[in-house]
Amino acid sequence: MNQQYQWDIFYMEKYMKTTIQKWGNSSGIRLPKPLLQELHLDNGTEVELERVGDGIMMYPRRPTREETLDLLLERISPENMHGPELFGDEVGGEAW
């Protein structure tokens, strides 16, 4: 069945229309370039969809804590890694 459904997008006092279209075994929606630019989104940006009443809200996907830590650890290199820091004399059973 090759039906197309009209879908309205409301965005900050701007009214844009786009169409849901068949995309492989699924359906897809094309987002207008000005909207993507204003929201700083690009091809490949992962998004989360939330059903709100009879509509859909779309948000840029935020990385989980684990993913954020992994991204930070990936940025460590021999050039920016520092050695151990000592803060004063031993006062207990610390293993230096």
Protein backbone atom coordinates (compact mmCIF):
# COMPACT_ATOMS: atom_id res chain seq x y z
CA MET A 1 0.00 0.00 0.00
CA ASN A 2 1.67 3.22 -1.12
CA GLN A 3 -0.20 5.83 0.88
CA GLN A 4 1.27 9.17 1.84
CA TYR A 5 0.03 11.01 4.88
CA GLN A 6 0.22 14.75 5.30
CA TRP A 7 2.05 15.68 8.49
CA ASP A 8 2.18 19.16 9.94
CA ILE A 9 5.20 20.44 11.80
CA PHE A 10 4.81 23.46 14.04
CA TYR A 11 8.05 25.12 14.97
CA MET A 12 8.48 28.43 16.77
CA GLU A 13 5.86 30.55 14.99
CA LYS A 14 6.78 28.86 11.70
CA TYR A 15 4.47 26.45 9.98
CA MET A 16 6.11 23.78 7.84
CA LYS A 17 4.61 20.82 6.05
CA THR A 18 6.30 17.62 5.06
CA THR A 19 5.08 14.19 4.02
CA ILE A 20 5.60 10.77 5.55
CA GLN A 21 6.95 8.53 2.80
CA LYS A 22 7.82 4.89 2.42
CA TRP A 23 11.49 4.21 3.16
CA GLY A 24 12.40 0.55 2.71
CA ASN A 25 10.10 -1.49 4.97
CA SER A 26 9.44 1.56 7.17
CA SER A 27 8.26 5.11 6.75
CA GLY A 28 10.35 8.24 7.00
CA ILE A 29 9.89 11.96 7.25
CA ARG A 30 12.15 14.55 5.69
CA LEU A 31 12.90 17.54 7.86
CA PRO A 32 13.34 20.92 6.14
CA LYS A 33 16.94 22.17 6.00
CA PRO A 34 16.19 25.52 7.78
CA LEU A 35 14.72 23.59 10.72
CA LEU A 36 17.77 21.32 10.95
CA GLN A 37 20.12 24.30 10.78
CA GLU A 38 18.26 26.20 13.49
CA LEU A 39 18.34 23.16 15.79
CA HIS A 40 21.99 22.34 14.94
CA LEU A 41 21.04 18.87 13.68
CA ASP A 42 22.68 17.05 10.80
CA ASN A 43 22.43 13.76 8.94
CA GLY A 44 23.33 10.94 11.29
CA THR A 45 22.17 12.74 14.45
CA GLU A 46 20.47 10.22 16.71
CA VAL A 47 17.12 11.38 18.06
CA GLU A 48 14.60 10.14 20.59
CA LEU A 49 10.90 10.18 19.82
CA GLU A 50 8.24 10.61 22.46
CA ARG A 51 4.52 10.22 21.93
CA VAL A 52 2.74 13.25 23.39
CA GLY A 53 -1.04 13.05 23.15
CA ASP A 54 -1.80 12.65 19.46
CA GLY A 55 1.59 14.05 18.41
CA ILE A 56 5.27 13.25 18.44
CA MET A 57 8.11 15.15 20.12
CA MET A 58 11.62 14.65 18.80
CA TYR A 59 14.75 15.35 20.87
CA PRO A 60 18.45 14.97 20.07
CA ARG A 61 19.59 11.80 21.83
CA ARG A 62 21.67 12.49 24.90
CA PRO A 63 24.49 10.06 25.64
CA THR A 64 24.22 7.89 28.75
CA ARG A 65 26.69 8.35 31.61
CA GLU A 66 28.61 5.30 30.43
CA GLU A 67 28.82 6.64 26.87
CA THR A 68 29.94 10.05 28.15
CA LEU A 69 32.69 8.44 30.26
CA ASP A 70 33.79 6.35 27.28
CA LEU A 71 34.02 9.49 25.12
CA LEU A 72 36.13 11.24 27.77
CA LEU A 73 38.43 8.23 28.17
CA GLU A 74 38.93 8.05 24.39
CA ARG A 75 40.41 11.56 24.50
CA ILE A 76 43.22 10.54 26.88
CA SER A 77 46.56 10.29 25.11
CA PRO A 78 50.19 10.01 26.28
CA GLU A 79 50.56 13.73 25.51
CA ASN A 80 47.74 14.87 27.83
CA MET A 81 47.98 12.20 30.56
CA HIS A 82 49.55 13.35 33.80
CA GLY A 83 51.34 11.30 36.40
CA PRO A 84 50.24 10.67 39.97
CA GLU A 85 49.96 13.70 42.23
CA LEU A 86 51.14 13.51 45.84
CA PHE A 87 49.43 15.73 48.39
CA GLY A 88 51.54 15.86 51.53
CA ASP A 89 53.21 13.30 53.72
CA GLU A 90 51.85 9.87 54.55
CA VAL A 91 49.60 9.94 57.60
CA GLY A 92 48.21 6.43 57.65
CA GLY A 93 48.57 3.18 55.82
CA GLU A 94 48.51 4.64 52.29
CA ALA A 95 50.25 2.61 49.62
CA TRP A 96 52.30 4.97 47.46
